[in-house]
Amino acid sequence: MNIEVGMIVQLDPDKTKNPMFAACLMTVTEIKPWGVQGYVQSLGENGQIGGCAYYRAETGTFVDTGGRAVWMPG
């Protein structure tokens, strides 16, 4: 698996340590020796865009979806 910054991975619902992130699609922002770091875009409310929920996923707890993010927050 050759993961790069900007790629979209899916967090394994059975292996993700924080159940709030189980099965979420995550945009990779950093590659680490132990896995990847990235964010899940959260929903907003009252017509306002939501923020980013950042997460660290160890190798073996996510899968490559073959997708790539077009837009990434600055």
Protein backbone atom coordinates (compact mmCIF):
# COMPACT_ATOMS: atom_id res chain seq x y z
CA MET A 1 0.00 0.00 0.00
CA ASN A 2 1.53 3.31 -1.10
CA ILE A 3 -0.34 6.04 0.80
CA GLU A 4 0.35 9.70 0.00
CA VAL A 5 -0.80 13.02 1.45
CA GLY A 6 -4.25 13.90 0.09
CA MET A 7 -5.36 10.30 -0.33
CA ILE A 8 -8.59 9.10 1.23
CA VAL A 9 -8.49 6.05 3.49
CA GLN A 10 -11.30 4.33 5.36
CA LEU A 11 -10.86 3.53 9.02
CA ASP A 12 -11.50 -0.12 9.84
CA PRO A 13 -14.54 -0.26 12.16
CA ASP A 14 -13.17 -3.33 13.96
CA LYS A 15 -9.65 -1.97 14.52
CA THR A 16 -10.16 1.78 15.04
CA LYS A 17 -9.43 2.60 18.68
CA ASN A 18 -11.88 5.49 18.93
CA PRO A 19 -15.34 4.17 17.98
CA MET A 20 -16.47 7.68 16.98
CA PHE A 21 -14.19 7.34 13.92
CA ALA A 22 -15.15 3.76 13.00
CA ALA A 23 -15.69 3.34 9.23
CA CYS A 24 -15.10 7.07 8.56
CA LEU A 25 -13.40 8.26 5.40
CA MET A 26 -10.26 10.16 6.37
CA THR A 27 -8.12 12.51 4.27
CA VAL A 28 -4.42 11.86 4.91
CA THR A 29 -2.41 14.95 5.89
CA GLU A 30 0.82 13.32 7.10
CA ILE A 31 2.63 10.03 6.65
CA LYS A 32 4.24 8.70 9.84
CA PRO A 33 6.49 5.66 10.50
CA TRP A 34 3.66 4.08 12.52
CA GLY A 35 0.80 4.93 10.09
CA VAL A 36 -0.97 8.11 8.97
CA GLN A 37 -2.47 11.24 10.39
CA GLY A 38 -5.44 12.96 8.85
CA TYR A 39 -8.88 14.40 9.33
CA VAL A 40 -12.54 13.60 9.01
CA GLN A 41 -14.65 16.56 7.92
CA SER A 42 -17.42 17.15 10.43
CA LEU A 43 -20.86 18.45 9.63
CA GLY A 44 -21.68 22.02 10.49
CA GLU A 45 -24.84 23.48 11.90
CA ASN A 46 -26.98 26.58 11.41
CA GLY A 47 -25.68 26.98 7.84
CA GLN A 48 -22.02 27.05 8.94
CA ILE A 49 -19.39 24.63 7.68
CA GLY A 50 -18.07 22.16 10.25
CA GLY A 51 -14.48 21.77 11.32
CA CYS A 52 -11.99 18.98 10.97
CA ALA A 53 -11.72 16.13 13.45
CA TYR A 54 -8.09 14.98 13.39
CA TYR A 55 -7.11 11.36 13.96
CA ARG A 56 -3.97 9.21 14.02
CA ALA A 57 -4.40 5.77 12.46
CA GLU A 58 -1.82 3.05 12.90
CA THR A 59 -0.84 0.86 9.95
CA GLY A 60 -3.33 -2.00 9.72
CA THR A 61 -6.28 0.04 11.02
CA PHE A 62 -7.20 1.66 7.70
CA VAL A 63 -7.55 0.73 4.03
CA ASP A 64 -6.72 2.63 0.85
CA THR A 65 -9.89 3.60 -1.03
CA GLY A 66 -8.01 4.59 -4.18
CA GLY A 67 -9.52 8.07 -3.85
CA ARG A 68 -7.90 11.46 -3.50
CA ALA A 69 -9.26 14.64 -1.99
CA VAL A 70 -9.88 17.48 -4.42
CA TRP A 71 -10.26 20.15 -1.73
CA MET A 72 -8.35 20.27 1.53
CA PRO A 73 -8.84 22.97 4.18
CA GLY A 74 -5.96 25.42 4.49
